Amino acid sequence: MEALKTIFVGPNEAGKTAILQALHKLNPADANIAKFVPLRDYPRAKYDADIEHKGIDPSKFTVVEGHFTLTDNEKESFPEEYKQVVYVFGRNLDNEDWCRLENCPNRLT
């Protein structure tokens, strides 16, 4: 199925590998292997001030997040007010994940 392939093309240091690493961290096959390690994964120039001296809170620092929408095919089975909902999933520097819904209609139950 050629239509399901995605190909990254670009010069060296353009970010191709960074995109693949971010996707892997977002949805790892083995969560124990894909943990964030600040010394390795955080910018070295900011590590001392941000990590060592607690300039940031790793539990509130999102490293990667993905935004997911319904395909046109999936939208056919949803009520109109839910067709534009976006599921957002992210992972913080402390390896905890979080999620939220955007464009979700307000409904009383």
PDB file of N, CA and C in Angstrom:
ATOM      1  N   MET A   1       0.834  -1.185   0.000  1.00  0.00           N
ATOM      2  CA  MET A   1       0.000   0.000   0.000  1.00  0.00           C
ATOM      3  C   MET A   1       0.878   1.248   0.000  1.00  0.00           C
ATOM      4  N   GLU A   2       1.215   1.715  -1.132  1.00  0.00           N
ATOM      5  CA  GLU A   2       2.076   2.878  -1.267  1.00  0.00           C
ATOM      6  C   GLU A   2       1.474   4.136  -0.649  1.00  0.00           C
ATOM      7  N   ALA A   3       0.158   4.241  -0.605  1.00  0.00           N
ATOM      8  CA  ALA A   3      -0.491   5.441  -0.084  1.00  0.00           C
ATOM      9  C   ALA A   3      -0.267   5.616   1.415  1.00  0.00           C
ATOM     10  N   LEU A   4       0.122   4.569   2.121  1.00  0.00           N
ATOM     11  CA  LEU A   4       0.302   4.653   3.567  1.00  0.00           C
ATOM     12  C   LEU A   4       1.727   4.993   3.977  1.00  0.00           C
ATOM     13  N   LYS A   5       2.614   5.227   3.027  1.00  0.00           N
ATOM     14  CA  LYS A   5       4.007   5.536   3.341  1.00  0.00           C
ATOM     15  C   LYS A   5       4.203   7.042   3.513  1.00  0.00           C
ATOM     16  N   THR A   6       5.064   7.361   4.455  1.00  0.00           N
ATOM     17  CA  THR A   6       5.486   8.746   4.645  1.00  0.00           C
ATOM     18  C   THR A   6       6.996   8.774   4.502  1.00  0.00           C
ATOM     19  N   ILE A   7       7.503   9.697   3.715  1.00  0.00           N
ATOM     20  CA  ILE A   7       8.936   9.785   3.469  1.00  0.00           C
ATOM     21  C   ILE A   7       9.422  11.166   3.886  1.00  0.00           C
ATOM     22  N   PHE A   8      10.455  11.199   4.718  1.00  0.00           N
ATOM     23  CA  PHE A   8      11.070  12.454   5.130  1.00  0.00           C
ATOM     24  C   PHE A   8      12.301  12.692   4.264  1.00  0.00           C
ATOM     25  N   VAL A   9      12.337  13.845   3.635  1.00  0.00           N
ATOM     26  CA  VAL A   9      13.458  14.205   2.786  1.00  0.00           C
ATOM     27  C   VAL A   9      13.941  15.584   3.214  1.00  0.00           C
ATOM     28  N   GLY A  10      15.238  15.739   3.322  1.00  0.00           N
ATOM     29  CA  GLY A  10      15.784  17.036   3.676  1.00  0.00           C
ATOM     30  C   GLY A  10      17.267  16.940   3.919  1.00  0.00           C
ATOM     31  N   PRO A  11      17.926  18.083   3.999  1.00  0.00           N
ATOM     32  CA  PRO A  11      19.374  18.083   4.229  1.00  0.00           C
ATOM     33  C   PRO A  11      19.709  17.622   5.652  1.00  0.00           C
ATOM     34  N   ASN A  12      20.966  17.321   5.876  1.00  0.00           N
ATOM     35  CA  ASN A  12      21.423  16.955   7.209  1.00  0.00           C
ATOM     36  C   ASN A  12      21.099  18.072   8.193  1.00  0.00           C
ATOM     37  N   GLU A  13      20.793  17.674   9.435  1.00  0.00           N
ATOM     38  CA  GLU A  13      20.490  18.612  10.531  1.00  0.00           C
ATOM     39  C   GLU A  13      19.208  19.414  10.286  1.00  0.00           C
ATOM     40  N   ALA A  14      18.301  18.909   9.448  1.00  0.00           N
ATOM     41  CA  ALA A  14      17.045  19.612   9.175  1.00  0.00           C
ATOM     42  C   ALA A  14      15.946  19.234  10.167  1.00  0.00           C
ATOM     43  N   GLY A  15      16.144  18.149  10.951  1.00  0.00           N
ATOM     44  CA  GLY A  15      15.160  17.758  11.948  1.00  0.00           C
ATOM     45  C   GLY A  15      14.395  16.488  11.649  1.00  0.00           C
ATOM     46  N   LYS A  16      14.806  15.747  10.627  1.00  0.00           N
ATOM     47  CA  LYS A  16      14.096  14.507  10.273  1.00  0.00           C
ATOM     48  C   LYS A  16      14.122  13.515  11.438  1.00  0.00           C
ATOM     49  N   THR A  17      15.278  13.291  12.004  1.00  0.00           N
ATOM     50  CA  THR A  17      15.401  12.348  13.114  1.00  0.00           C
ATOM     51  C   THR A  17      14.688  12.872  14.349  1.00  0.00           C
ATOM     52  N   ALA A  18      14.720  14.166  14.581  1.00  0.00           N
ATOM     53  CA  ALA A  18      14.041  14.752  15.746  1.00  0.00           C
ATOM     54  C   ALA A  18      12.540  14.491  15.689  1.00  0.00           C
ATOM     55  N   ILE A  19      11.952  14.551  14.506  1.00  0.00           N
ATOM     56  CA  ILE A  19      10.523  14.268  14.357  1.00  0.00           C
ATOM     57  C   ILE A  19      10.236  12.802  14.708  1.00  0.00           C
ATOM     58  N   LEU A  20      11.060  11.908  14.205  1.00  0.00           N
ATOM     59  CA  LEU A  20      10.863  10.485  14.497  1.00  0.00           C
ATOM     60  C   LEU A  20      11.068  10.184  15.980  1.00  0.00           C
ATOM     61  N   GLN A  21      12.045  10.826  16.604  1.00  0.00           N
ATOM     62  CA  GLN A  21      12.266  10.624  18.037  1.00  0.00           C
ATOM     63  C   GLN A  21      11.082  11.155  18.848  1.00  0.00           C
ATOM     64  N   ALA A  22      10.534  12.286  18.455  1.00  0.00           N
ATOM     65  CA  ALA A  22       9.375  12.842  19.157  1.00  0.00           C
ATOM     66  C   ALA A  22       8.178  11.900  19.047  1.00  0.00           C
ATOM     67  N   LEU A  23       7.941  11.355  17.869  1.00  0.00           N
ATOM     68  CA  LEU A  23       6.845  10.399  17.694  1.00  0.00           C
ATOM     69  C   LEU A  23       7.066   9.154  18.548  1.00  0.00           C
ATOM     70  N   HIS A  24       8.299   8.701  18.609  1.00  0.00           N
ATOM     71  CA  HIS A  24       8.617   7.528  19.422  1.00  0.00           C
ATOM     72  C   HIS A  24       8.387   7.813  20.909  1.00  0.00           C
ATOM     73  N   LYS A  25       8.745   8.991  21.377  1.00  0.00           N
ATOM     74  CA  LYS A  25       8.531   9.357  22.780  1.00  0.00           C
ATOM     75  C   LYS A  25       7.041   9.529  23.074  1.00  0.00           C
ATOM     76  N   LEU A  26       6.294   9.975  22.088  1.00  0.00           N
ATOM     77  CA  LEU A  26       4.862  10.182  22.276  1.00  0.00           C
ATOM     78  C   LEU A  26       4.123   8.856  22.425  1.00  0.00           C
ATOM     79  N   ASN A  27       4.527   7.858  21.658  1.00  0.00           N
ATOM     80  CA  ASN A  27       3.844   6.563  21.688  1.00  0.00           C
ATOM     81  C   ASN A  27       4.870   5.434  21.574  1.00  0.00           C
ATOM     82  N   PRO A  28       5.654   5.212  22.637  1.00  0.00           N
ATOM     83  CA  PRO A  28       6.707   4.198  22.560  1.00  0.00           C
ATOM     84  C   PRO A  28       6.152   2.776  22.598  1.00  0.00           C
ATOM     85  N   ALA A  29       6.828   1.889  21.908  1.00  0.00           N
ATOM     86  CA  ALA A  29       6.463   0.477  21.969  1.00  0.00           C
ATOM     87  C   ALA A  29       6.762  -0.080  23.361  1.00  0.00           C
ATOM     88  N   ASP A  30       7.829   0.404  23.972  1.00  0.00           N
ATOM     89  CA  ASP A  30       8.216  -0.009  25.324  1.00  0.00           C
ATOM     90  C   ASP A  30       8.477   1.259  26.129  1.00  0.00           C
ATOM     91  N   ALA A  31       7.554   1.602  27.005  1.00  0.00           N
ATOM     92  CA  ALA A  31       7.642   2.854  27.770  1.00  0.00           C
ATOM     93  C   ALA A  31       8.880   2.921  28.642  1.00  0.00           C
ATOM     94  N   ASN A  32       9.408   1.800  29.078  1.00  0.00           N
ATOM     95  CA  ASN A  32      10.604   1.814  29.928  1.00  0.00           C
ATOM     96  C   ASN A  32      11.854   2.215  29.159  1.00  0.00           C
ATOM     97  N   ILE A  33      11.897   1.892  27.885  1.00  0.00           N
ATOM     98  CA  ILE A  33      13.058   2.231  27.065  1.00  0.00           C
ATOM     99  C   ILE A  33      12.994   3.685  26.605  1.00  0.00           C
ATOM    100  N   ALA A  34      11.814   4.216  26.381  1.00  0.00           N
ATOM    101  CA  ALA A  34      11.639   5.533  25.774  1.00  0.00           C
ATOM    102  C   ALA A  34      11.459   6.660  26.786  1.00  0.00           C
ATOM    103  N   LYS A  35      11.960   6.512  27.982  1.00  0.00           N
ATOM    104  CA  LYS A  35      11.808   7.565  28.987  1.00  0.00           C
ATOM    105  C   LYS A  35      12.709   8.753  28.662  1.00  0.00           C
ATOM    106  N   PHE A  36      12.221   9.950  29.010  1.00  0.00           N
ATOM    107  CA  PHE A  36      13.038  11.141  28.875  1.00  0.00           C
ATOM    108  C   PHE A  36      14.112  11.143  29.951  1.00  0.00           C
ATOM    109  N   VAL A  37      15.310  11.490  29.569  1.00  0.00           N
ATOM    110  CA  VAL A  37      16.426  11.661  30.495  1.00  0.00           C
ATOM    111  C   VAL A  37      16.897  13.100  30.293  1.00  0.00           C
ATOM    112  N   PRO A  38      16.612  13.994  31.265  1.00  0.00           N
ATOM    113  CA  PRO A  38      16.933  15.405  31.059  1.00  0.00           C
ATOM    114  C   PRO A  38      18.372  15.679  30.616  1.00  0.00           C
ATOM    115  N   LEU A  39      19.337  14.980  31.172  1.00  0.00           N
ATOM    116  CA  LEU A  39      20.725  15.230  30.784  1.00  0.00           C
ATOM    117  C   LEU A  39      20.953  14.949  29.306  1.00  0.00           C
ATOM    118  N   ARG A  40      20.248  13.975  28.766  1.00  0.00           N
ATOM    119  CA  ARG A  40      20.383  13.619  27.352  1.00  0.00           C
ATOM    120  C   ARG A  40      19.411  14.401  26.464  1.00  0.00           C
ATOM    121  N   ASP A  41      18.187  14.607  26.944  1.00  0.00           N
ATOM    122  CA  ASP A  41      17.122  15.122  26.082  1.00  0.00           C
ATOM    123  C   ASP A  41      16.853  16.618  26.219  1.00  0.00           C
ATOM    124  N   TYR A  42      17.390  17.252  27.231  1.00  0.00           N
ATOM    125  CA  TYR A  42      17.146  18.681  27.442  1.00  0.00           C
ATOM    126  C   TYR A  42      18.329  19.458  26.871  1.00  0.00           C
ATOM    127  N   PRO A  43      18.089  20.662  26.312  1.00  0.00           N
ATOM    128  CA  PRO A  43      19.203  21.441  25.743  1.00  0.00           C
ATOM    129  C   PRO A  43      20.325  21.660  26.769  1.00  0.00           C
ATOM    130  N   ARG A  44      21.532  21.263  26.398  1.00  0.00           N
ATOM    131  CA  ARG A  44      22.673  21.347  27.318  1.00  0.00           C
ATOM    132  C   ARG A  44      22.935  22.767  27.806  1.00  0.00           C
ATOM    133  N   ALA A  45      22.746  23.752  26.945  1.00  0.00           N
ATOM    134  CA  ALA A  45      23.034  25.138  27.326  1.00  0.00           C
ATOM    135  C   ALA A  45      22.109  25.634  28.433  1.00  0.00           C
ATOM    136  N   LYS A  46      20.928  25.038  28.565  1.00  0.00           N
ATOM    137  CA  LYS A  46      19.960  25.482  29.574  1.00  0.00           C
ATOM    138  C   LYS A  46      19.845  24.505  30.741  1.00  0.00           C
ATOM    139  N   TYR A  47      20.552  23.387  30.663  1.00  0.00           N
ATOM    140  CA  TYR A  47      20.399  22.331  31.664  1.00  0.00           C
ATOM    141  C   TYR A  47      20.710  22.822  33.078  1.00  0.00           C
ATOM    142  N   ASP A  48      21.819  23.508  33.252  1.00  0.00           N
ATOM    143  CA  ASP A  48      22.239  23.932  34.593  1.00  0.00           C
ATOM    144  C   ASP A  48      21.199  24.844  35.238  1.00  0.00           C
ATOM    145  N   ALA A  49      20.789  25.885  34.521  1.00  0.00           N
ATOM    146  CA  ALA A  49      19.827  26.848  35.082  1.00  0.00           C
ATOM    147  C   ALA A  49      18.437  26.235  35.241  1.00  0.00           C
ATOM    148  N   ASP A  50      18.003  25.467  34.270  1.00  0.00           N
ATOM    149  CA  ASP A  50      16.631  24.955  34.280  1.00  0.00           C
ATOM    150  C   ASP A  50      16.463  23.677  35.097  1.00  0.00           C
ATOM    151  N   ILE A  51      17.379  22.750  34.978  1.00  0.00           N
ATOM    152  CA  ILE A  51      17.222  21.463  35.652  1.00  0.00           C
ATOM    153  C   ILE A  51      17.948  21.453  36.997  1.00  0.00           C
ATOM    154  N   GLU A  52      19.240  21.739  36.994  1.00  0.00           N
ATOM    155  CA  GLU A  52      20.024  21.687  38.233  1.00  0.00           C
ATOM    156  C   GLU A  52      19.544  22.708  39.265  1.00  0.00           C
ATOM    157  N   HIS A  53      19.218  23.919  38.809  1.00  0.00           N
ATOM    158  CA  HIS A  53      18.800  24.982  39.729  1.00  0.00           C
ATOM    159  C   HIS A  53      17.284  25.169  39.757  1.00  0.00           C
ATOM    160  N   LYS A  54      16.570  24.182  39.224  1.00  0.00           N
ATOM    161  CA  LYS A  54      15.111  24.125  39.294  1.00  0.00           C
ATOM    162  C   LYS A  54      14.413  25.353  38.694  1.00  0.00           C
ATOM    163  N   GLY A  55      14.932  25.792  37.549  1.00  0.00           N
ATOM    164  CA  GLY A  55      14.311  26.900  36.839  1.00  0.00           C
ATOM    165  C   GLY A  55      12.996  26.508  36.172  1.00  0.00           C
ATOM    166  N   ILE A  56      12.806  25.223  35.971  1.00  0.00           N
ATOM    167  CA  ILE A  56      11.542  24.708  35.424  1.00  0.00           C
ATOM    168  C   ILE A  56      11.072  23.558  36.301  1.00  0.00           C
ATOM    169  N   ASP A  57       9.793  23.265  36.208  1.00  0.00           N
ATOM    170  CA  ASP A  57       9.221  22.117  36.900  1.00  0.00           C
ATOM    171  C   ASP A  57       9.015  21.012  35.854  1.00  0.00           C
ATOM    172  N   PRO A  58       9.807  19.922  35.908  1.00  0.00           N
ATOM    173  CA  PRO A  58       9.683  18.861  34.901  1.00  0.00           C
ATOM    174  C   PRO A  58       8.275  18.277  34.794  1.00  0.00           C
ATOM    175  N   SER A  59       7.487  18.356  35.870  1.00  0.00           N
ATOM    176  CA  SER A  59       6.126  17.815  35.816  1.00  0.00           C
ATOM    177  C   SER A  59       5.173  18.736  35.061  1.00  0.00           C
ATOM    178  N   LYS A  60       5.616  19.951  34.756  1.00  0.00           N
ATOM    179  CA  LYS A  60       4.778  20.894  34.009  1.00  0.00           C
ATOM    180  C   LYS A  60       5.411  21.295  32.676  1.00  0.00           C
ATOM    181  N   PHE A  61       6.534  20.685  32.344  1.00  0.00           N
ATOM    182  CA  PHE A  61       7.257  21.033  31.122  1.00  0.00           C
ATOM    183  C   PHE A  61       6.976  19.983  30.051  1.00  0.00           C
ATOM    184  N   THR A  62       6.117  20.337  29.085  1.00  0.00           N
ATOM    185  CA  THR A  62       5.754  19.418  28.003  1.00  0.00           C
ATOM    186  C   THR A  62       6.885  19.346  26.991  1.00  0.00           C
ATOM    187  N   VAL A  63       7.329  18.129  26.711  1.00  0.00           N
ATOM    188  CA  VAL A  63       8.391  17.923  25.735  1.00  0.00           C
ATOM    189  C   VAL A  63       7.828  17.601  24.362  1.00  0.00           C
ATOM    190  N   VAL A  64       6.749  16.810  24.346  1.00  0.00           N
ATOM    191  CA  VAL A  64       6.160  16.428  23.064  1.00  0.00           C
ATOM    192  C   VAL A  64       4.644  16.326  23.228  1.00  0.00           C
ATOM    193  N   GLU A  65       3.935  16.764  22.199  1.00  0.00           N
ATOM    194  CA  GLU A  65       2.481  16.600  22.201  1.00  0.00           C
ATOM    195  C   GLU A  65       2.005  16.356  20.780  1.00  0.00           C
ATOM    196  N   GLY A  66       0.955  15.567  20.680  1.00  0.00           N
ATOM    197  CA  GLY A  66       0.363  15.258  19.382  1.00  0.00           C
ATOM    198  C   GLY A  66      -1.096  15.673  19.370  1.00  0.00           C
ATOM    199  N   HIS A  67      -1.570  16.159  18.223  1.00  0.00           N
ATOM    200  CA  HIS A  67      -2.963  16.572  18.045  1.00  0.00           C
ATOM    201  C   HIS A  67      -3.594  15.622  17.040  1.00  0.00           C
ATOM    202  N   PHE A  68      -4.687  14.978  17.447  1.00  0.00           N
ATOM    203  CA  PHE A  68      -5.312  13.948  16.630  1.00  0.00           C
ATOM    204  C   PHE A  68      -6.751  14.330  16.302  1.00  0.00           C
ATOM    205  N   THR A  69      -7.092  14.202  15.029  1.00  0.00           N
ATOM    206  CA  THR A  69      -8.442  14.515  14.570  1.00  0.00           C
ATOM    207  C   THR A  69      -9.039  13.288  13.890  1.00  0.00           C
ATOM    208  N   LEU A  70     -10.336  13.320  13.725  1.00  0.00           N
ATOM    209  CA  LEU A  70     -11.024  12.228  13.039  1.00  0.00           C
ATOM    210  C   LEU A  70     -10.788  12.320  11.533  1.00  0.00           C
ATOM    211  N   THR A  71     -10.716  11.173  10.895  1.00  0.00           N
ATOM    212  CA  THR A  71     -10.643  11.156   9.434  1.00  0.00           C
ATOM    213  C   THR A  71     -12.045  11.444   8.895  1.00  0.00           C
ATOM    214  N   ASP A  72     -12.137  11.765   7.636  1.00  0.00           N
ATOM    215  CA  ASP A  72     -13.443  12.001   7.022  1.00  0.00           C
ATOM    216  C   ASP A  72     -14.336  10.772   7.173  1.00  0.00           C
ATOM    217  N   ASN A  73     -13.757   9.604   7.040  1.00  0.00           N
ATOM    218  CA  ASN A  73     -14.499   8.355   7.195  1.00  0.00           C
ATOM    219  C   ASN A  73     -15.049   8.219   8.619  1.00  0.00           C
ATOM    220  N   GLU A  74     -14.233   8.514   9.609  1.00  0.00           N
ATOM    221  CA  GLU A  74     -14.657   8.414  11.006  1.00  0.00           C
ATOM    222  C   GLU A  74     -15.729   9.442  11.342  1.00  0.00           C
ATOM    223  N   LYS A  75     -15.628  10.630  10.757  1.00  0.00           N
ATOM    224  CA  LYS A  75     -16.590  11.702  11.037  1.00  0.00           C
ATOM    225  C   LYS A  75     -18.012  11.312  10.657  1.00  0.00           C
ATOM    226  N   GLU A  76     -18.159  10.421   9.687  1.00  0.00           N
ATOM    227  CA  GLU A  76     -19.491  10.012   9.240  1.00  0.00           C
ATOM    228  C   GLU A  76     -20.310   9.373  10.354  1.00  0.00           C
ATOM    229  N   SER A  77     -19.648   8.766  11.332  1.00  0.00           N
ATOM    230  CA  SER A  77     -20.385   8.084  12.397  1.00  0.00           C
ATOM    231  C   SER A  77     -20.517   8.922  13.671  1.00  0.00           C
ATOM    232  N   PHE A  78     -20.139  10.197  13.609  1.00  0.00           N
ATOM    233  CA  PHE A  78     -20.238  11.066  14.783  1.00  0.00           C
ATOM    234  C   PHE A  78     -21.278  12.149  14.566  1.00  0.00           C
ATOM    235  N   PRO A  79     -21.933  12.596  15.637  1.00  0.00           N
ATOM    236  CA  PRO A  79     -22.837  13.737  15.506  1.00  0.00           C
ATOM    237  C   PRO A  79     -22.048  14.977  15.046  1.00  0.00           C
ATOM    238  N   GLU A  80     -22.723  15.866  14.370  1.00  0.00           N
ATOM    239  CA  GLU A  80     -22.083  17.045  13.779  1.00  0.00           C
ATOM    240  C   GLU A  80     -21.235  17.834  14.786  1.00  0.00           C
ATOM    241  N   GLU A  81     -21.758  18.018  16.008  1.00  0.00           N
ATOM    242  CA  GLU A  81     -21.043  18.853  16.988  1.00  0.00           C
ATOM    243  C   GLU A  81     -19.733  18.232  17.478  1.00  0.00           C
ATOM    244  N   TYR A  82     -19.488  16.962  17.171  1.00  0.00           N
ATOM    245  CA  TYR A  82     -18.249  16.306  17.604  1.00  0.00           C
ATOM    246  C   TYR A  82     -17.233  16.127  16.480  1.00  0.00           C
ATOM    247  N   LYS A  83     -17.575  16.508  15.285  1.00  0.00           N
ATOM    248  CA  LYS A  83     -16.697  16.259  14.142  1.00  0.00           C
ATOM    249  C   LYS A  83     -15.422  17.080  14.153  1.00  0.00           C
ATOM    250  N   GLN A  84     -15.397  18.178  14.887  1.00  0.00           N
ATOM    251  CA  GLN A  84     -14.202  19.027  14.933  1.00  0.00           C
ATOM    252  C   GLN A  84     -13.399  18.858  16.225  1.00  0.00           C
ATOM    253  N   VAL A  85     -13.746  17.876  17.036  1.00  0.00           N
ATOM    254  CA  VAL A  85     -13.030  17.643  18.292  1.00  0.00           C
ATOM    255  C   VAL A  85     -11.603  17.186  17.981  1.00  0.00           C
ATOM    256  N   VAL A  86     -10.653  17.709  18.769  1.00  0.00           N
ATOM    257  CA  VAL A  86      -9.245  17.337  18.635  1.00  0.00           C
ATOM    258  C   VAL A  86      -8.803  16.708  19.950  1.00  0.00           C
ATOM    259  N   TYR A  87      -8.214  15.540  19.871  1.00  0.00           N
ATOM    260  CA  TYR A  87      -7.652  14.875  21.042  1.00  0.00           C
ATOM    261  C   TYR A  87      -6.175  15.248  21.098  1.00  0.00           C
ATOM    262  N   VAL A  88      -5.755  15.838  22.217  1.00  0.00           N
ATOM    263  CA  VAL A  88      -4.364  16.264  22.388  1.00  0.00           C
ATOM    264  C   VAL A  88      -3.743  15.393  23.477  1.00  0.00           C
ATOM    265  N   PHE A  89      -2.619  14.773  23.144  1.00  0.00           N
ATOM    266  CA  PHE A  89      -1.916  13.893  24.074  1.00  0.00           C
ATOM    267  C   PHE A  89      -0.478  14.370  24.163  1.00  0.00           C
ATOM    268  N   GLY A  90       0.044  14.467  25.384  1.00  0.00           N
ATOM    269  CA  GLY A  90       1.413  14.934  25.547  1.00  0.00           C
ATOM    270  C   GLY A  90       2.153  14.194  26.638  1.00  0.00           C
ATOM    271  N   ARG A  91       3.463  14.402  26.653  1.00  0.00           N
ATOM    272  CA  ARG A  91       4.321  13.794  27.666  1.00  0.00           C
ATOM    273  C   ARG A  91       5.262  14.874  28.198  1.00  0.00           C
ATOM    274  N   ASN A  92       5.345  14.952  29.526  1.00  0.00           N
ATOM    275  CA  ASN A  92       6.190  15.939  30.193  1.00  0.00           C
ATOM    276  C   ASN A  92       7.594  15.394  30.414  1.00  0.00           C
ATOM    277  N   LEU A  93       8.485  16.287  30.816  1.00  0.00           N
ATOM    278  CA  LEU A  93       9.883  15.917  31.039  1.00  0.00           C
ATOM    279  C   LEU A  93      10.025  14.888  32.154  1.00  0.00           C
ATOM    280  N   ASP A  94       9.070  14.827  33.090  1.00  0.00           N
ATOM    281  CA  ASP A  94       9.123  13.829  34.163  1.00  0.00           C
ATOM    282  C   ASP A  94       8.513  12.491  33.721  1.00  0.00           C
ATOM    283  N   ASN A  95       8.232  12.347  32.415  1.00  0.00           N
ATOM    284  CA  ASN A  95       7.708  11.125  31.794  1.00  0.00           C
ATOM    285  C   ASN A  95       6.244  10.850  32.088  1.00  0.00           C
ATOM    286  N   GLU A  96       5.546  11.779  32.717  1.00  0.00           N
ATOM    287  CA  GLU A  96       4.106  11.622  32.916  1.00  0.00           C
ATOM    288  C   GLU A  96       3.387  12.123  31.669  1.00  0.00           C
ATOM    289  N   ASP A  97       2.316  11.442  31.296  1.00  0.00           N
ATOM    290  CA  ASP A  97       1.552  11.893  30.132  1.00  0.00           C
ATOM    291  C   ASP A  97       0.275  12.591  30.585  1.00  0.00           C
ATOM    292  N   TRP A  98      -0.327  13.310  29.666  1.00  0.00           N
ATOM    293  CA  TRP A  98      -1.558  14.056  29.923  1.00  0.00           C
ATOM    294  C   TRP A  98      -2.359  14.086  28.625  1.00  0.00           C
ATOM    295  N   CYS A  99      -3.625  14.445  28.735  1.00  0.00           N
ATOM    296  CA  CYS A  99      -4.449  14.576  27.535  1.00  0.00           C
ATOM    297  C   CYS A  99      -5.566  15.587  27.786  1.00  0.00           C
ATOM    298  N   ARG A 100      -6.126  16.089  26.696  1.00  0.00           N
ATOM    299  CA  ARG A 100      -7.269  16.999  26.767  1.00  0.00           C
ATOM    300  C   ARG A 100      -8.015  16.932  25.434  1.00  0.00           C
ATOM    301  N   LEU A 101      -9.256  17.402  25.464  1.00  0.00           N
ATOM    302  CA  LEU A 101     -10.055  17.524  24.247  1.00  0.00           C
ATOM    303  C   LEU A 101     -10.211  18.998  23.920  1.00  0.00           C
ATOM    304  N   GLU A 102     -10.058  19.346  22.660  1.00  0.00           N
ATOM    305  CA  GLU A 102     -10.278  20.713  22.192  1.00  0.00           C
ATOM    306  C   GLU A 102     -11.485  20.713  21.265  1.00  0.00           C
ATOM    307  N   ASN A 103     -12.155  21.844  21.190  1.00  0.00           N
ATOM    308  CA  ASN A 103     -13.335  22.009  20.331  1.00  0.00           C
ATOM    309  C   ASN A 103     -14.465  21.070  20.731  1.00  0.00           C
ATOM    310  N   CYS A 104     -14.485  20.661  21.983  1.00  0.00           N
ATOM    311  CA  CYS A 104     -15.522  19.741  22.455  1.00  0.00           C
ATOM    312  C   CYS A 104     -16.747  20.554  22.872  1.00  0.00           C
ATOM    313  N   PRO A 105     -17.914  20.171  22.386  1.00  0.00           N
ATOM    314  CA  PRO A 105     -19.113  20.932  22.765  1.00  0.00           C
ATOM    315  C   PRO A 105     -19.433  20.770  24.253  1.00  0.00           C
ATOM    316  N   ASN A 106     -20.005  21.802  24.839  1.00  0.00           N
ATOM    317  CA  ASN A 106     -20.454  21.710  26.228  1.00  0.00           C
ATOM    318  C   ASN A 106     -21.790  21.002  26.240  1.00  0.00           C
ATOM    319  N   ARG A 107     -21.863  19.936  27.007  1.00  0.00           N
ATOM    320  CA  ARG A 107     -23.114  19.179  27.086  1.00  0.00           C
ATOM    321  C   ARG A 107     -23.382  18.849  28.529  1.00  0.00           C
ATOM    322  N   LEU A 108     -24.604  18.958  28.899  1.00  0.00           N
ATOM    323  CA  LEU A 108     -25.016  18.559  30.243  1.00  0.00           C
ATOM    324  C   LEU A 108     -25.419  17.104  30.196  1.00  0.00           C
ATOM    325  N   THR A 109     -25.024  16.340  31.216  1.00  0.00           N
ATOM    326  CA  THR A 109     -25.386  14.925  31.234  1.00  0.00           C
ATOM    327  C   THR A 109     -26.601  14.695  32.089  1.00  0.00           C
TER     328      THR A 109
END
